[in-house]
Protein backbone atom coordinates (compact mmCIF):
# COMPACT_ATOMS: atom_id res chain seq x y z
CA UNK A 1 15.50 12.63 0.77
CA UNK A 2 15.18 10.30 -2.46
CA UNK A 3 12.20 12.28 -3.16
CA UNK A 4 13.59 15.81 -2.68
CA UNK A 5 16.51 14.54 -5.19
CA UNK A 6 14.36 13.30 -7.82
CA UNK A 7 12.68 16.34 -8.11
CA UNK A 8 15.52 18.65 -8.06
CA UNK A 9 17.28 16.50 -11.16
CA UNK A 10 13.98 17.00 -12.78
CA UNK A 11 13.39 20.40 -12.18
CA UNK A 12 16.91 21.00 -14.14
CA UNK A 13 15.54 19.33 -17.13
CA UNK A 14 17.35 15.85 -16.72
CA UNK A 15 15.81 12.92 -17.31
CA UNK A 16 15.99 10.46 -14.77
CA UNK A 17 14.61 7.80 -12.32
CA UNK A 18 14.95 7.18 -8.58
CA UNK A 19 14.74 4.01 -7.04
CA UNK A 20 14.99 2.86 -3.40
CA UNK A 21 16.30 -0.74 -3.85
CA UNK A 22 16.12 -3.72 -1.12
CA UNK A 23 18.57 -6.26 -1.46
CA UNK A 24 17.85 -10.30 -1.25
CA UNK A 25 19.46 -11.47 2.26
CA UNK A 26 21.88 -13.38 0.00
CA UNK A 27 23.45 -10.29 -1.72
CA UNK A 28 24.88 -7.29 -0.58
CA UNK A 29 23.21 -3.93 -1.32
CA UNK A 30 26.40 -3.03 -3.32
CA UNK A 31 25.88 -6.12 -5.37
CA UNK A 32 22.15 -5.11 -5.67
CA UNK A 33 22.77 -1.64 -6.42
CA UNK A 34 25.52 -3.13 -9.73
CA UNK A 35 23.30 -5.91 -10.58
CA UNK A 36 20.60 -2.89 -11.16
CA UNK A 37 22.78 -0.92 -13.09
CA UNK A 38 23.62 -3.71 -15.18
CA UNK A 39 20.13 -5.13 -16.03
CA UNK A 40 19.15 -1.28 -16.63
CA UNK A 41 22.34 0.05 -18.56
CA UNK A 42 22.37 3.09 -16.79
CA UNK A 43 24.78 5.96 -17.40
CA UNK A 44 25.21 7.08 -13.82
CA UNK A 45 24.84 5.52 -10.14
CA UNK A 46 24.21 8.81 -7.71
CA UNK A 47 23.79 7.42 -4.12
CA UNK A 48 23.28 9.13 -0.94
CA UNK A 49 25.62 9.16 1.50
CA UNK A 50 25.63 10.22 5.23
CA UNK A 51 28.70 11.18 7.44
CA UNK A 52 29.97 8.09 9.32
CA UNK A 53 32.71 9.09 11.66
CA UNK A 54 33.99 5.39 12.04
CA UNK A 55 34.99 4.99 8.33
CA UNK A 56 37.55 7.10 6.82
CA UNK A 57 36.47 9.97 3.98
CA UNK A 58 32.87 9.48 5.67
CA UNK A 59 31.75 7.00 3.34
CA UNK A 60 29.67 3.82 4.27
CA UNK A 61 30.91 0.49 3.20
CA UNK A 62 28.35 -0.20 0.57
CA UNK A 63 28.59 3.60 -1.10
CA UNK A 64 32.89 2.46 -1.01
CA UNK A 65 31.92 -0.81 -2.37
CA UNK A 66 29.62 0.72 -5.31
CA UNK A 67 31.95 3.43 -5.96
CA UNK A 68 35.24 0.78 -6.41
CA UNK A 69 33.40 -1.95 -8.39
CA UNK A 70 31.49 -0.42 -10.52
CA UNK A 71 32.07 0.30 -14.75
CA UNK A 72 30.38 3.55 -14.64
CA UNK A 73 30.52 6.89 -12.43
CA UNK A 74 29.42 6.87 -9.40
CA UNK A 75 28.28 10.25 -7.81
CA UNK A 76 28.27 9.94 -3.94
CA UNK A 77 25.65 13.36 -2.65
CA UNK A 78 24.54 14.10 0.65
CA UNK A 79 21.44 16.27 0.10
CA UNK A 80 19.86 19.05 2.26
CA UNK A 81 17.36 21.33 2.19
CA UNK A 82 18.61 25.19 1.43
CA UNK A 83 17.09 26.99 4.32
CA UNK A 84 17.47 30.47 2.04
CA UNK A 85 15.27 29.73 -0.79
CA UNK A 86 11.65 29.86 -1.29
CA UNK A 87 10.85 26.81 -3.29
CA UNK A 88 12.58 23.79 -1.93
CA UNK A 89 15.85 23.09 -3.64
CA UNK A 90 18.65 20.65 -2.94
CA UNK A 91 22.14 21.42 -1.95
CA UNK A 92 24.93 19.05 -2.83
């Protein structure tokens, strides 16, 4: 899914980088994302979310923490391939 989203954005002519982060055990994943953003002075954080029935608004605890604690905009997406197109694209 990460490569699908990165390709979709790049094909639209938008410069982006996509990385899969792994947090050290002593910090949460949301802290790792926010630390990464500060190190690289990002303009936008894009996170992929999945439907989670037990949490209101279908956001994970990590996604919610990133959204609430980020100093820059956060875009939450749920990518999926579009079946009606010949070329692979991403629906958001």
